[in-house]
Amino acid sequence: MNLKQYKNELIVLFTFLLMIGAFFYKQHNIKNATDNSKKTEQSLANIKELIDLKSTWSDKQITKKVDRLKRVVSSHKVTFKRNGKKATIYFKNLQPKELDRVVNKILNLAVVIKQLEIKKSGTTYSVEFKCKW
């Protein structure tokens, strides 16, 4: 076989293989760029969420908001203990509407819920709530 006869065909074949290789290389780089941009967007979203959470958790009014739980229902149904940034609150003899109000207030607070225990006795409910902030 004489390669000089097929010199032009070999050049075309080599060029074609080079084009195919360049195409796959380009596709690989495009995929990596989109993956990196997605990771960057996710990181930015996480940072924004952390900033929002930091401002929520560093709120100086959290203690006052937790103290307001004493006034959600009548005072004879509430036992309240607070030590620094920890609180234990017991609610006794709650009706269903009062229970809903108490649970909604608790879940809307920016605190770490250590314990939320609801017990039903007859038609009334008892709630034990422990939290820290």
Protein backbone atom coordinates (compact mmCIF):
# COMPACT_ATOMS: atom_id res chain seq x y z
CA MET A 1 0.00 0.00 0.00
CA ASN A 2 1.39 3.32 -1.02
CA LEU A 3 0.56 6.13 1.46
CA LYS A 4 1.49 8.87 -0.98
CA GLN A 5 -1.56 7.97 -3.07
CA TYR A 6 -3.85 8.48 -0.09
CA LYS A 7 -2.12 11.51 1.37
CA ASN A 8 -5.13 13.85 0.92
CA GLU A 9 -7.58 11.27 2.27
CA LEU A 10 -5.39 10.70 5.33
CA ILE A 11 -5.20 14.46 5.96
CA VAL A 12 -8.99 14.70 5.72
CA LEU A 13 -9.41 11.69 8.04
CA PHE A 14 -6.96 13.15 10.58
CA THR A 15 -8.71 16.56 10.39
CA PHE A 16 -12.10 14.91 10.83
CA LEU A 17 -10.89 12.98 13.92
CA LEU A 18 -9.39 16.20 15.29
CA MET A 19 -12.74 17.99 14.77
CA ILE A 20 -14.61 15.20 16.57
CA GLY A 21 -12.12 15.34 19.45
CA ALA A 22 -12.45 19.14 19.66
CA PHE A 23 -16.26 18.84 19.65
CA PHE A 24 -16.28 16.41 22.60
CA TYR A 25 -13.71 18.52 24.45
CA LYS A 26 -15.92 21.59 23.99
CA GLN A 27 -19.02 19.73 25.18
CA HIS A 28 -17.15 18.51 28.26
CA ASN A 29 -16.03 22.07 29.09
CA ILE A 30 -19.55 23.44 28.64
CA LYS A 31 -20.92 20.76 31.00
CA ASN A 32 -18.26 21.56 33.60
CA ALA A 33 -18.99 25.30 33.33
CA THR A 34 -22.72 24.78 33.88
CA ASP A 35 -22.04 22.47 36.83
CA ASN A 36 -19.73 25.06 38.36
CA SER A 37 -22.30 27.82 37.88
CA LYS A 38 -24.98 25.67 39.54
CA LYS A 39 -22.67 24.99 42.48
CA THR A 40 -21.91 28.70 42.76
CA GLU A 41 -25.62 29.59 42.72
CA GLN A 42 -26.29 26.98 45.40
CA SER A 43 -23.46 28.33 47.54
CA LEU A 44 -24.79 31.87 47.20
CA ALA A 45 -28.28 30.71 48.16
CA ASN A 46 -26.84 28.95 51.22
CA ILE A 47 -24.89 32.06 52.23
CA LYS A 48 -27.99 34.25 51.88
CA GLU A 49 -29.99 31.80 53.97
CA LEU A 50 -27.27 31.76 56.65
CA ILE A 51 -27.26 35.55 56.77
CA ASP A 52 -31.05 35.58 57.18
CA LEU A 53 -30.90 32.93 59.89
CA LYS A 54 -28.11 34.77 61.69
CA SER A 55 -30.20 37.92 61.84
CA THR A 56 -33.18 35.90 63.07
CA TRP A 57 -31.21 34.04 65.74
CA SER A 58 -29.38 37.15 66.94
CA ASP A 59 -32.64 39.00 67.50
CA LYS A 60 -32.62 40.65 70.94
CA GLN A 61 -36.40 40.39 71.15
CA ILE A 62 -36.51 36.57 71.35
CA THR A 63 -36.48 36.64 75.16
CA LYS A 64 -39.44 39.01 75.18
CA LYS A 65 -41.29 36.87 72.63
CA VAL A 66 -40.76 33.77 74.77
CA ASP A 67 -41.94 35.70 77.83
CA ARG A 68 -45.13 36.57 75.96
CA LEU A 69 -46.08 32.88 76.01
CA LYS A 70 -47.13 33.44 79.63
CA ARG A 71 -49.94 35.68 78.41
CA VAL A 72 -51.29 33.47 75.60
CA VAL A 73 -53.76 31.84 77.98
CA SER A 74 -54.91 32.70 81.50
CA SER A 75 -52.14 32.79 84.09
CA HIS A 76 -53.50 29.98 86.31
CA LYS A 77 -53.01 27.54 83.38
CA VAL A 78 -49.32 28.42 82.86
CA THR A 79 -46.17 27.48 84.79
CA PHE A 80 -43.15 29.36 83.44
CA LYS A 81 -39.47 28.87 84.27
CA ARG A 82 -36.64 30.68 82.49
CA ASN A 83 -32.91 30.28 83.14
CA GLY A 84 -30.80 32.53 80.92
CA LYS A 85 -31.51 31.47 77.36
CA LYS A 86 -33.49 28.37 78.29
CA ALA A 87 -37.16 28.14 79.16
CA THR A 88 -39.56 25.47 80.37
CA ILE A 89 -43.26 26.20 80.10
CA TYR A 90 -46.13 23.99 81.23
CA PHE A 91 -49.69 24.63 80.09
CA LYS A 92 -52.51 22.78 81.89
CA ASN A 93 -56.23 22.32 81.23
CA LEU A 94 -56.21 23.80 77.73
CA GLN A 95 -59.25 23.71 75.50
CA PRO A 96 -58.70 22.82 71.80
CA LYS A 97 -58.82 26.48 70.67
CA GLU A 98 -56.32 27.48 73.36
CA LEU A 99 -54.10 24.57 72.37
CA ASP A 100 -54.13 25.71 68.74
CA ARG A 101 -53.23 29.25 69.78
CA VAL A 102 -50.39 28.04 72.03
CA VAL A 103 -48.93 25.67 69.43
CA ASN A 104 -49.08 28.36 66.71
CA LYS A 105 -47.26 30.83 68.95
CA ILE A 106 -44.62 28.23 69.84
CA LEU A 107 -43.98 27.19 66.24
CA ASN A 108 -43.64 30.82 65.09
CA LEU A 109 -40.83 31.51 67.57
CA ALA A 110 -37.21 31.43 66.39
CA VAL A 111 -36.05 29.05 69.13
CA VAL A 112 -34.63 25.55 69.29
CA ILE A 113 -37.41 23.28 70.52
CA LYS A 114 -35.95 20.73 72.90
CA GLN A 115 -39.26 19.19 73.86
CA LEU A 116 -42.86 19.73 72.85
CA GLU A 117 -45.12 17.21 74.48
CA ILE A 118 -48.91 17.38 74.20
CA LYS A 119 -51.07 15.10 76.34
CA LYS A 120 -54.81 14.73 76.13
CA SER A 121 -56.81 13.99 79.26
CA GLY A 122 -60.53 13.86 78.63
CA THR A 123 -61.48 17.03 76.77
CA THR A 124 -58.51 19.11 77.95
CA TYR A 125 -54.87 19.13 76.95
CA SER A 126 -51.57 19.59 78.76
CA VAL A 127 -48.46 20.93 76.99
CA GLU A 128 -44.85 20.73 78.12
CA PHE A 129 -42.52 22.98 76.13
CA LYS A 130 -38.74 23.27 76.56
CA CYS A 131 -36.63 25.53 74.37
CA LYS A 132 -33.37 27.43 74.10
CA TRP A 133 -32.18 30.33 71.97
